[in-house]
Amino acid sequence: MKTKSAILVFALGLALSGVASAQVISYSPRTGDVWIDSQLGYVNDYGRGNRDYFVDDVVNSFGAPRYLVNEMLTKRNMSPGDVYYACALAYSARRPCADVARSYEENRGQGWGVVAMRMGIKPGSAEFHALKERVGKSNGRYKARGTTTTTTTVLRGGDAHHDDNKGKGKDNAKGKDKGKDKGKDKGH
């Protein structure tokens, strides 16, 4: 009986490790910076599990049109990490997000590092470091909210889209004060 249990546990472990390694390998942004690549992996996982918040964040953080962000995710089948980086790079290069996304799609095999250099963002430059800092800040927000819908559901014990309003003040927690910050600079 112990042998059968050990074999079952071993087989389950192999199956799960295959799933985990496939998930890690499936998204590779190739920005040329290992740290940014890993951050975009987290952003990608978060965007897949929490699409509404992800779209809101990209729109608010980079001024990307909501229809474009949704189009890139659905019709163009871009990964959330790629959508995020296209808009972050566009913001840093002072170019429209649609132009950066188009450049990436035309040169997808070359990775984001090549696209960034074509947009004038060179490794080690002040613009590159500002972009890197921006990616880190967004990823911090995503990690604070939970990486996936499943994680959010487990942590909150209910609806994955429920917002517990932590740190938003008593007015906003009750649904008041909606739209008060519209149009204000959100740390761009």
N, C-alpha and C. Protein backbone atom coordinates (compact mmCIF):
# COMPACT_ATOMS: atom_id res chain seq x y z
N MET A 1 0.83 -1.19 0.00
CA MET A 1 0.00 0.00 0.00
C MET A 1 0.87 1.25 0.00
N LYS A 2 1.97 1.22 0.79
CA LYS A 2 2.85 2.38 0.84
C LYS A 2 3.51 2.62 -0.50
N THR A 3 3.83 1.56 -1.21
CA THR A 3 4.47 1.69 -2.52
C THR A 3 3.52 2.36 -3.51
N LYS A 4 2.25 1.96 -3.51
CA LYS A 4 1.27 2.56 -4.41
C LYS A 4 1.09 4.04 -4.08
N SER A 5 1.05 4.38 -2.82
CA SER A 5 0.91 5.78 -2.41
C SER A 5 2.12 6.59 -2.83
N ALA A 6 3.30 6.01 -2.66
CA ALA A 6 4.53 6.71 -3.04
C ALA A 6 4.58 6.95 -4.54
N ILE A 7 4.15 5.97 -5.31
CA ILE A 7 4.13 6.11 -6.77
C ILE A 7 3.12 7.18 -7.17
N LEU A 8 1.98 7.17 -6.54
CA LEU A 8 0.94 8.17 -6.84
C LEU A 8 1.44 9.58 -6.53
N VAL A 9 2.07 9.76 -5.38
CA VAL A 9 2.61 11.07 -4.99
C VAL A 9 3.70 11.50 -5.98
N PHE A 10 4.56 10.58 -6.36
CA PHE A 10 5.63 10.87 -7.32
C PHE A 10 5.05 11.30 -8.67
N ALA A 11 4.04 10.55 -9.15
CA ALA A 11 3.41 10.87 -10.44
C ALA A 11 2.73 12.23 -10.39
N LEU A 12 2.05 12.50 -9.28
CA LEU A 12 1.39 13.80 -9.12
C LEU A 12 2.43 14.93 -9.11
N GLY A 13 3.53 14.70 -8.43
CA GLY A 13 4.60 15.69 -8.39
C GLY A 13 5.16 15.97 -9.77
N LEU A 14 5.38 14.91 -10.56
CA LEU A 14 5.86 15.09 -11.94
C LEU A 14 4.87 15.87 -12.78
N ALA A 15 3.60 15.54 -12.65
CA ALA A 15 2.57 16.23 -13.42
C ALA A 15 2.52 17.71 -13.08
N LEU A 16 2.55 18.02 -11.80
CA LEU A 16 2.49 19.41 -11.38
C LEU A 16 3.76 20.17 -11.76
N SER A 17 4.90 19.53 -11.70
CA SER A 17 6.13 20.22 -12.08
C SER A 17 6.14 20.51 -13.56
N GLY A 18 5.54 19.65 -14.36
CA GLY A 18 5.44 19.90 -15.80
C GLY A 18 4.55 21.09 -16.09
N VAL A 19 3.45 21.21 -15.36
CA VAL A 19 2.56 22.35 -15.53
C VAL A 19 3.27 23.63 -15.12
N ALA A 20 3.96 23.60 -14.00
CA ALA A 20 4.65 24.80 -13.51
C ALA A 20 5.74 25.23 -14.48
N SER A 21 6.52 24.29 -14.99
CA SER A 21 7.59 24.68 -15.91
C SER A 21 7.03 25.18 -17.22
N ALA A 22 5.92 24.62 -17.67
CA ALA A 22 5.30 25.09 -18.91
C ALA A 22 4.81 26.51 -18.74
N GLN A 23 4.29 26.83 -17.58
CA GLN A 23 3.78 28.17 -17.33
C GLN A 23 4.91 29.19 -17.32
N VAL A 24 6.03 28.85 -16.73
CA VAL A 24 7.16 29.77 -16.65
C VAL A 24 7.74 30.02 -18.04
N ILE A 25 7.85 28.97 -18.83
CA ILE A 25 8.45 29.08 -20.16
C ILE A 25 7.51 29.78 -21.14
N SER A 26 6.21 29.71 -20.94
CA SER A 26 5.26 30.21 -21.93
C SER A 26 5.32 31.71 -22.16
N TYR A 27 5.82 32.49 -21.24
CA TYR A 27 5.91 33.94 -21.44
C TYR A 27 7.34 34.41 -21.27
N SER A 28 7.88 34.94 -22.33
CA SER A 28 9.27 35.42 -22.31
C SER A 28 9.34 36.74 -23.08
N PRO A 29 9.29 37.87 -22.36
CA PRO A 29 9.24 39.17 -23.04
C PRO A 29 10.55 39.58 -23.72
N ARG A 30 11.67 39.07 -23.26
CA ARG A 30 12.98 39.37 -23.84
C ARG A 30 13.21 40.88 -23.99
N THR A 31 13.21 41.56 -22.86
CA THR A 31 13.47 43.00 -22.86
C THR A 31 14.96 43.30 -22.90
N GLY A 32 15.77 42.32 -22.56
CA GLY A 32 17.20 42.54 -22.45
C GLY A 32 17.62 42.78 -21.01
N ASP A 33 16.65 42.82 -20.10
CA ASP A 33 16.92 43.03 -18.69
C ASP A 33 16.20 41.93 -17.91
N VAL A 34 16.96 41.10 -17.23
CA VAL A 34 16.39 39.95 -16.51
C VAL A 34 15.38 40.39 -15.47
N TRP A 35 15.67 41.47 -14.74
CA TRP A 35 14.76 41.94 -13.70
C TRP A 35 13.43 42.38 -14.31
N ILE A 36 13.47 43.16 -15.39
CA ILE A 36 12.23 43.59 -16.04
C ILE A 36 11.47 42.38 -16.56
N ASP A 37 12.17 41.42 -17.16
CA ASP A 37 11.50 40.22 -17.65
C ASP A 37 10.74 39.52 -16.52
N SER A 38 11.35 39.40 -15.36
CA SER A 38 10.68 38.72 -14.25
C SER A 38 9.50 39.54 -13.75
N GLN A 39 9.63 40.85 -13.70
CA GLN A 39 8.52 41.72 -13.28
C GLN A 39 7.36 41.61 -14.25
N LEU A 40 7.67 41.59 -15.55
CA LEU A 40 6.62 41.46 -16.56
C LEU A 40 5.94 40.10 -16.47
N GLY A 41 6.67 39.09 -16.02
CA GLY A 41 6.05 37.78 -15.79
C GLY A 41 4.97 37.86 -14.72
N TYR A 42 5.27 38.59 -13.63
CA TYR A 42 4.26 38.79 -12.58
C TYR A 42 3.09 39.61 -13.10
N VAL A 43 3.39 40.67 -13.85
CA VAL A 43 2.33 41.51 -14.43
C VAL A 43 1.46 40.66 -15.35
N ASN A 44 2.08 39.82 -16.15
CA ASN A 44 1.36 38.95 -17.07
C ASN A 44 0.41 38.02 -16.31
N ASP A 45 0.92 37.38 -15.26
CA ASP A 45 0.07 36.48 -14.46
C ASP A 45 -1.08 37.25 -13.83
N TYR A 46 -0.79 38.43 -13.31
CA TYR A 46 -1.85 39.23 -12.68
C TYR A 46 -2.91 39.63 -13.71
N GLY A 47 -2.45 40.11 -14.87
CA GLY A 47 -3.39 40.55 -15.90
C GLY A 47 -4.30 39.45 -16.39
N ARG A 48 -3.81 38.23 -16.42
CA ARG A 48 -4.64 37.10 -16.83
C ARG A 48 -5.73 36.80 -15.80
N GLY A 49 -5.45 37.00 -14.54
CA GLY A 49 -6.41 36.67 -13.50
C GLY A 49 -7.29 37.82 -13.05
N ASN A 50 -6.89 39.05 -13.34
CA ASN A 50 -7.61 40.24 -12.86
C ASN A 50 -7.70 41.28 -13.96
N ARG A 51 -8.34 40.89 -15.03
CA ARG A 51 -8.33 41.71 -16.24
C ARG A 51 -8.88 43.13 -16.05
N ASP A 52 -9.98 43.27 -15.35
CA ASP A 52 -10.58 44.60 -15.20
C ASP A 52 -9.63 45.58 -14.51
N TYR A 53 -9.05 45.14 -13.40
CA TYR A 53 -8.11 46.01 -12.70
C TYR A 53 -6.88 46.27 -13.56
N PHE A 54 -6.41 45.26 -14.25
CA PHE A 54 -5.25 45.40 -15.12
C PHE A 54 -5.50 46.45 -16.20
N VAL A 55 -6.63 46.36 -16.89
CA VAL A 55 -6.96 47.32 -17.95
C VAL A 55 -7.06 48.73 -17.36
N ASP A 56 -7.74 48.86 -16.22
CA ASP A 56 -7.85 50.17 -15.56
C ASP A 56 -6.46 50.73 -15.25
N ASP A 57 -5.57 49.89 -14.75
CA ASP A 57 -4.24 50.35 -14.38
C ASP A 57 -3.45 50.82 -15.60
N VAL A 58 -3.50 50.08 -16.69
CA VAL A 58 -2.77 50.48 -17.90
C VAL A 58 -3.33 51.79 -18.44
N VAL A 59 -4.64 51.91 -18.46
CA VAL A 59 -5.29 53.14 -18.95
C VAL A 59 -4.90 54.33 -18.07
N ASN A 60 -4.99 54.17 -16.76
CA ASN A 60 -4.70 55.26 -15.83
C ASN A 60 -3.22 55.58 -15.73
N SER A 61 -2.37 54.58 -15.79
CA SER A 61 -0.93 54.80 -15.63
C SER A 61 -0.28 55.41 -16.86
N PHE A 62 -0.75 55.02 -18.04
CA PHE A 62 -0.05 55.42 -19.26
C PHE A 62 -0.90 56.21 -20.24
N GLY A 63 -2.15 56.46 -19.91
CA GLY A 63 -3.02 57.24 -20.79
C GLY A 63 -3.39 56.51 -22.06
N ALA A 64 -3.26 55.19 -22.05
CA ALA A 64 -3.62 54.40 -23.23
C ALA A 64 -5.14 54.35 -23.37
N PRO A 65 -5.65 54.43 -24.57
CA PRO A 65 -7.10 54.33 -24.75
C PRO A 65 -7.60 52.95 -24.33
N ARG A 66 -8.69 52.93 -23.58
CA ARG A 66 -9.25 51.68 -23.07
C ARG A 66 -9.57 50.71 -24.21
N TYR A 67 -10.15 51.22 -25.30
CA TYR A 67 -10.49 50.34 -26.41
C TYR A 67 -9.23 49.67 -26.97
N LEU A 68 -8.11 50.40 -27.01
CA LEU A 68 -6.87 49.83 -27.54
C LEU A 68 -6.33 48.74 -26.63
N VAL A 69 -6.34 48.98 -25.33
CA VAL A 69 -5.85 47.97 -24.37
C VAL A 69 -6.69 46.71 -24.51
N ASN A 70 -8.01 46.85 -24.56
CA ASN A 70 -8.89 45.68 -24.72
C ASN A 70 -8.66 44.99 -26.05
N GLU A 71 -8.47 45.78 -27.10
CA GLU A 71 -8.22 45.21 -28.44
C GLU A 71 -6.92 44.41 -28.47
N MET A 72 -5.88 44.94 -27.84
CA MET A 72 -4.60 44.23 -27.82
C MET A 72 -4.73 42.90 -27.08
N LEU A 73 -5.53 42.88 -26.02
CA LEU A 73 -5.71 41.65 -25.26
C LEU A 73 -6.57 40.63 -25.99
N THR A 74 -7.60 41.09 -26.71
CA THR A 74 -8.55 40.15 -27.31
C THR A 74 -8.27 39.90 -28.79
N LYS A 75 -8.37 40.92 -29.60
CA LYS A 75 -8.25 40.73 -31.05
C LYS A 75 -6.81 40.47 -31.50
N ARG A 76 -5.86 41.09 -30.86
CA ARG A 76 -4.46 40.90 -31.25
C ARG A 76 -3.79 39.77 -30.46
N ASN A 77 -4.50 39.23 -29.48
CA ASN A 77 -4.01 38.13 -28.64
C ASN A 77 -2.64 38.40 -28.03
N MET A 78 -2.42 39.62 -27.58
CA MET A 78 -1.18 39.94 -26.89
C MET A 78 -1.31 39.54 -25.43
N SER A 79 -0.23 39.10 -24.84
CA SER A 79 -0.20 38.77 -23.42
C SER A 79 -0.34 40.05 -22.61
N PRO A 80 -0.94 39.98 -21.42
CA PRO A 80 -1.04 41.18 -20.58
C PRO A 80 0.32 41.83 -20.32
N GLY A 81 1.37 41.02 -20.13
CA GLY A 81 2.70 41.59 -19.92
C GLY A 81 3.17 42.40 -21.12
N ASP A 82 2.86 41.93 -22.32
CA ASP A 82 3.24 42.65 -23.54
C ASP A 82 2.42 43.93 -23.71
N VAL A 83 1.14 43.86 -23.39
CA VAL A 83 0.28 45.05 -23.46
C VAL A 83 0.80 46.10 -22.49
N TYR A 84 1.10 45.66 -21.27
CA TYR A 84 1.61 46.57 -20.26
C TYR A 84 2.92 47.22 -20.73
N TYR A 85 3.84 46.40 -21.21
CA TYR A 85 5.15 46.93 -21.59
C TYR A 85 5.05 47.83 -22.83
N ALA A 86 4.16 47.51 -23.76
CA ALA A 86 3.97 48.36 -24.94
C ALA A 86 3.54 49.75 -24.50
N CYS A 87 2.60 49.82 -23.57
CA CYS A 87 2.10 51.12 -23.11
C CYS A 87 3.11 51.84 -22.22
N ALA A 88 3.84 51.09 -21.40
CA ALA A 88 4.88 51.70 -20.55
C ALA A 88 6.01 52.25 -21.41
N LEU A 89 6.41 51.50 -22.40
CA LEU A 89 7.46 51.93 -23.32
C LEU A 89 7.00 53.14 -24.13
N ALA A 90 5.77 53.11 -24.58
CA ALA A 90 5.22 54.24 -25.33
C ALA A 90 5.21 55.51 -24.48
N TYR A 91 4.80 55.36 -23.23
CA TYR A 91 4.77 56.49 -22.31
C TYR A 91 6.18 57.07 -22.14
N SER A 92 7.15 56.20 -21.95
CA SER A 92 8.53 56.65 -21.75
C SER A 92 9.11 57.29 -23.00
N ALA A 93 8.74 56.76 -24.17
CA ALA A 93 9.27 57.27 -25.43
C ALA A 93 8.42 58.42 -25.99
N ARG A 94 7.34 58.75 -25.29
CA ARG A 94 6.42 59.80 -25.71
C ARG A 94 5.87 59.51 -27.12
N ARG A 95 5.43 58.28 -27.27
CA ARG A 95 4.85 57.82 -28.54
C ARG A 95 3.49 57.19 -28.23
N PRO A 96 2.61 57.11 -29.22
CA PRO A 96 1.33 56.42 -28.99
C PRO A 96 1.54 54.93 -28.74
N CYS A 97 0.79 54.39 -27.83
CA CYS A 97 0.88 52.97 -27.50
C CYS A 97 0.62 52.11 -28.73
N ALA A 98 -0.29 52.53 -29.59
CA ALA A 98 -0.60 51.77 -30.80
C ALA A 98 0.63 51.63 -31.70
N ASP A 99 1.45 52.68 -31.78
CA ASP A 99 2.67 52.63 -32.61
C ASP A 99 3.67 51.63 -32.04
N VAL A 100 3.83 51.63 -30.74
CA VAL A 100 4.78 50.71 -30.11
C VAL A 100 4.29 49.28 -30.26
N ALA A 101 3.00 49.04 -30.04
CA ALA A 101 2.44 47.70 -30.19
C ALA A 101 2.61 47.21 -31.63
N ARG A 102 2.38 48.08 -32.60
CA ARG A 102 2.55 47.71 -34.01
C ARG A 102 3.99 47.35 -34.30
N SER A 103 4.93 48.13 -33.78
CA SER A 103 6.35 47.84 -33.98
C SER A 103 6.72 46.48 -33.39
N TYR A 104 6.18 46.19 -32.20
CA TYR A 104 6.45 44.90 -31.56
C TYR A 104 5.88 43.76 -32.40
N GLU A 105 4.64 43.91 -32.87
CA GLU A 105 4.01 42.86 -33.65
C GLU A 105 4.76 42.59 -34.95
N GLU A 106 5.29 43.65 -35.56
CA GLU A 106 6.05 43.50 -36.81
C GLU A 106 7.41 42.85 -36.57
N ASN A 107 7.94 42.98 -35.36
CA ASN A 107 9.27 42.46 -35.03
C ASN A 107 9.23 41.54 -33.82
N ARG A 108 8.15 40.82 -33.66
CA ARG A 108 7.92 40.01 -32.46
C ARG A 108 9.07 39.06 -32.16
N GLY A 109 9.67 38.48 -33.15
CA GLY A 109 10.74 37.53 -32.93
C GLY A 109 12.00 38.14 -32.34
N GLN A 110 12.12 39.46 -32.39
CA GLN A 110 13.32 40.13 -31.89
C GLN A 110 13.22 40.51 -30.41
N GLY A 111 12.04 40.52 -29.85
CA GLY A 111 11.86 40.84 -28.44
C GLY A 111 11.72 42.34 -28.18
N TRP A 112 11.37 42.65 -26.93
CA TRP A 112 11.12 44.04 -26.52
C TRP A 112 12.38 44.88 -26.47
N GLY A 113 13.52 44.28 -26.21
CA GLY A 113 14.76 45.05 -26.13
C GLY A 113 15.05 45.78 -27.43
N VAL A 114 14.84 45.12 -28.56
CA VAL A 114 15.07 45.72 -29.87
C VAL A 114 14.05 46.83 -30.13
N VAL A 115 12.80 46.57 -29.77
CA VAL A 115 11.75 47.59 -29.96
C VAL A 115 12.07 48.83 -29.13
N ALA A 116 12.51 48.62 -27.89
CA ALA A 116 12.84 49.75 -27.01
C ALA A 116 13.96 50.60 -27.62
N MET A 117 14.98 49.96 -28.15
CA MET A 117 16.07 50.73 -28.75
C MET A 117 15.60 51.48 -29.98
N ARG A 118 14.71 50.88 -30.75
CA ARG A 118 14.15 51.59 -31.92
C ARG A 118 13.32 52.81 -31.49
N MET A 119 12.76 52.74 -30.30
CA MET A 119 11.97 53.85 -29.78
C MET A 119 12.85 54.89 -29.06
N GLY A 120 14.15 54.64 -29.02
CA GLY A 120 15.07 55.60 -28.41
C GLY A 120 15.37 55.35 -26.95
N ILE A 121 14.92 54.22 -26.41
CA ILE A 121 15.18 53.87 -25.01
C ILE A 121 16.36 52.88 -25.00
N LYS A 122 17.51 53.39 -24.69
CA LYS A 122 18.72 52.56 -24.71
C LYS A 122 19.02 52.02 -23.32
N PRO A 123 19.54 50.78 -23.23
CA PRO A 123 19.90 50.22 -21.92
C PRO A 123 20.85 51.15 -21.17
N GLY A 124 20.56 51.36 -19.91
CA GLY A 124 21.40 52.20 -19.06
C GLY A 124 21.08 53.69 -19.12
N SER A 125 20.24 54.10 -20.06
CA SER A 125 19.91 55.53 -20.18
C SER A 125 18.96 55.95 -19.06
N ALA A 126 18.82 57.25 -18.88
CA ALA A 126 17.90 57.78 -17.86
C ALA A 126 16.47 57.32 -18.16
N GLU A 127 16.10 57.30 -19.44
CA GLU A 127 14.76 56.87 -19.83
C GLU A 127 14.54 55.40 -19.48
N PHE A 128 15.58 54.59 -19.70
CA PHE A 128 15.49 53.16 -19.37
C PHE A 128 15.28 52.97 -17.87
N HIS A 129 16.04 53.69 -17.05
CA HIS A 129 15.91 53.56 -15.60
C HIS A 129 14.55 54.04 -15.12
N ALA A 130 14.00 55.09 -15.75
CA ALA A 130 12.66 55.57 -15.39
C ALA A 130 11.62 54.51 -15.76
N LEU A 131 11.79 53.88 -16.91
CA LEU A 131 10.89 52.82 -17.34
C LEU A 131 10.96 51.65 -16.37
N LYS A 132 12.16 51.27 -15.99
CA LYS A 132 12.36 50.16 -15.06
C LYS A 132 11.70 50.46 -13.70
N GLU A 133 11.84 51.68 -13.23
CA GLU A 133 11.22 52.07 -11.97
C GLU A 133 9.69 52.00 -12.07
N ARG A 134 9.15 52.44 -13.19
CA ARG A 134 7.70 52.42 -13.41
C ARG A 134 7.18 50.99 -13.41
N VAL A 135 7.92 50.09 -14.06
CA VAL A 135 7.52 48.68 -14.09
C VAL A 135 7.51 48.11 -12.67
N GLY A 136 8.50 48.43 -11.89
CA GLY A 136 8.57 47.95 -10.51
C GLY A 136 7.43 48.45 -9.65
N LYS A 137 7.05 49.72 -9.84
CA LYS A 137 5.95 50.27 -9.05
C LYS A 137 4.63 49.58 -9.39
N SER A 138 4.36 49.38 -10.66
CA SER A 138 3.12 48.71 -11.04
C SER A 138 3.09 47.29 -10.52
N ASN A 139 4.23 46.60 -10.65
CA ASN A 139 4.27 45.23 -10.17
C ASN A 139 4.02 45.18 -8.66
N GLY A 140 4.51 46.17 -7.94
CA GLY A 140 4.26 46.23 -6.50
C GLY A 140 2.78 46.35 -6.19
N ARG A 141 2.06 47.14 -7.00
CA ARG A 141 0.61 47.26 -6.81
C ARG A 141 -0.07 45.93 -7.08
N TYR A 142 0.37 45.24 -8.13
CA TYR A 142 -0.25 43.96 -8.47
C TYR A 142 0.01 42.93 -7.38
N LYS A 143 1.24 42.89 -6.88
CA LYS A 143 1.56 41.93 -5.82
C LYS A 143 0.74 42.22 -4.57
N ALA A 144 0.51 43.49 -4.27
CA ALA A 144 -0.28 43.86 -3.09
C ALA A 144 -1.73 43.40 -3.24
N ARG A 145 -2.23 43.37 -4.46
CA ARG A 145 -3.61 42.96 -4.70
C ARG A 145 -3.75 41.45 -4.83
N GLY A 146 -2.66 40.73 -5.02
CA GLY A 146 -2.70 39.28 -5.23
C GLY A 146 -2.44 38.97 -6.68
N THR A 147 -1.71 37.91 -6.94
CA THR A 147 -1.27 37.62 -8.30
C THR A 147 -2.37 37.13 -9.21
N THR A 148 -3.27 36.30 -8.73
CA THR A 148 -4.30 35.74 -9.60
C THR A 148 -5.66 35.85 -8.94
N THR A 149 -6.69 35.62 -9.74
CA THR A 149 -8.05 35.63 -9.23
C THR A 149 -8.21 34.59 -8.13
N THR A 150 -7.61 33.41 -8.33
CA THR A 150 -7.70 32.35 -7.32
C THR A 150 -7.10 32.81 -6.00
N THR A 151 -5.93 33.43 -6.06
CA THR A 151 -5.28 33.93 -4.84
C THR A 151 -6.17 34.97 -4.17
N THR A 152 -6.71 35.87 -4.96
CA THR A 152 -7.56 36.92 -4.41
C THR A 152 -8.78 36.30 -3.74
N THR A 153 -9.39 35.33 -4.38
CA THR A 153 -10.57 34.68 -3.82
C THR A 153 -10.23 34.01 -2.50
N VAL A 154 -9.13 33.28 -2.46
CA VAL A 154 -8.75 32.57 -1.24
C VAL A 154 -8.45 33.56 -0.13
N LEU A 155 -7.70 34.61 -0.42
CA LEU A 155 -7.33 35.57 0.62
C LEU A 155 -8.52 36.32 1.16
N ARG A 156 -9.46 36.62 0.32
CA ARG A 156 -10.60 37.42 0.76
C ARG A 156 -11.80 36.56 1.13
N GLY A 157 -11.74 35.30 0.76
CA GLY A 157 -12.81 34.38 1.12
C GLY A 157 -14.10 34.64 0.39
N GLY A 158 -14.03 35.16 -0.82
CA GLY A 158 -15.26 35.42 -1.54
C GLY A 158 -15.00 35.81 -2.97
N ASP A 159 -15.75 36.79 -3.41
CA ASP A 159 -15.72 37.24 -4.79
C ASP A 159 -14.35 37.77 -5.17
N ALA A 160 -13.81 37.30 -6.29
CA ALA A 160 -12.48 37.70 -6.73
C ALA A 160 -12.43 39.17 -7.11
N HIS A 161 -13.55 39.75 -7.46
CA HIS A 161 -13.55 41.16 -7.88
C HIS A 161 -13.92 42.11 -6.74
N HIS A 162 -14.14 41.57 -5.58
CA HIS A 162 -14.46 42.38 -4.41
C HIS A 162 -13.27 43.24 -4.03
N ASP A 163 -13.50 44.50 -3.80
CA ASP A 163 -12.42 45.41 -3.40
C ASP A 163 -12.62 45.75 -1.94
N ASP A 164 -11.62 45.42 -1.12
CA ASP A 164 -11.78 45.65 0.31
C ASP A 164 -11.46 47.09 0.71
N ASN A 165 -11.11 47.95 -0.24
CA ASN A 165 -10.90 49.38 -0.02
C ASN A 165 -9.83 49.70 1.00
N LYS A 166 -8.83 48.84 1.15
CA LYS A 166 -7.75 49.13 2.09
C LYS A 166 -7.04 50.40 1.69
N GLY A 167 -6.85 51.27 2.63
CA GLY A 167 -6.09 52.49 2.43
C GLY A 167 -6.77 53.53 1.57
N LYS A 168 -8.08 53.42 1.37
CA LYS A 168 -8.76 54.38 0.51
C LYS A 168 -9.60 55.38 1.29
N GLY A 169 -9.60 55.30 2.58
CA GLY A 169 -10.36 56.26 3.37
C GLY A 169 -11.80 55.83 3.52
N LYS A 170 -12.45 56.38 4.54
CA LYS A 170 -13.81 55.91 4.84
C LYS A 170 -14.82 56.34 3.79
N ASP A 171 -14.64 57.51 3.15
CA ASP A 171 -15.60 57.93 2.14
C ASP A 171 -15.60 57.00 0.95
N ASN A 172 -14.42 56.66 0.45
CA ASN A 172 -14.35 55.81 -0.71
C ASN A 172 -14.74 54.38 -0.38
N ALA A 173 -14.51 53.93 0.83
CA ALA A 173 -14.89 52.58 1.22
C ALA A 173 -16.41 52.41 1.18
N LYS A 174 -17.14 53.50 1.35
CA LYS A 174 -18.61 53.44 1.32
C LYS A 174 -19.14 53.73 -0.07
N GLY A 175 -18.25 53.91 -1.06
CA GLY A 175 -18.71 54.16 -2.42
C GLY A 175 -18.84 55.62 -2.74
N LYS A 176 -18.53 56.49 -1.80
CA LYS A 176 -18.60 57.93 -2.04
C LYS A 176 -17.33 58.37 -2.73
N ASP A 177 -17.32 59.56 -3.20
CA ASP A 177 -16.10 60.17 -3.70
C ASP A 177 -15.63 59.53 -5.00
N LYS A 178 -16.53 58.88 -5.74
CA LYS A 178 -16.13 58.25 -6.98
C LYS A 178 -15.79 59.31 -8.01
N GLY A 179 -14.68 59.09 -8.70
CA GLY A 179 -14.29 60.00 -9.77
C GLY A 179 -13.64 61.27 -9.29
N LYS A 180 -13.39 61.40 -8.02
CA LYS A 180 -12.81 62.62 -7.48
C LYS A 180 -11.44 62.91 -8.06
N ASP A 181 -10.66 61.85 -8.34
CA ASP A 181 -9.30 62.03 -8.84
C ASP A 181 -9.21 61.97 -10.36
N LYS A 182 -10.31 61.94 -11.07
CA LYS A 182 -10.25 61.85 -12.53
C LYS A 182 -9.49 63.06 -13.08
N GLY A 183 -8.59 62.74 -13.99
CA GLY A 183 -7.88 63.82 -14.67
C GLY A 183 -6.63 64.27 -13.94
N LYS A 184 -6.45 63.84 -12.70
CA LYS A 184 -5.28 64.25 -11.95
C LYS A 184 -4.11 63.35 -12.32
N ASP A 185 -2.93 63.86 -12.20
CA ASP A 185 -1.72 63.10 -12.48
C ASP A 185 -1.61 61.95 -11.49
N LYS A 186 -1.45 60.75 -12.00
CA LYS A 186 -1.38 59.56 -11.15
C LYS A 186 0.05 59.03 -11.07
N GLY A 187 1.02 59.90 -11.02
CA GLY A 187 2.39 59.45 -10.88
C GLY A 187 3.08 59.14 -12.17
N HIS A 188 2.57 59.73 -13.27
CA HIS A 188 3.19 59.47 -14.58
C HIS A 188 4.53 60.04 -14.53
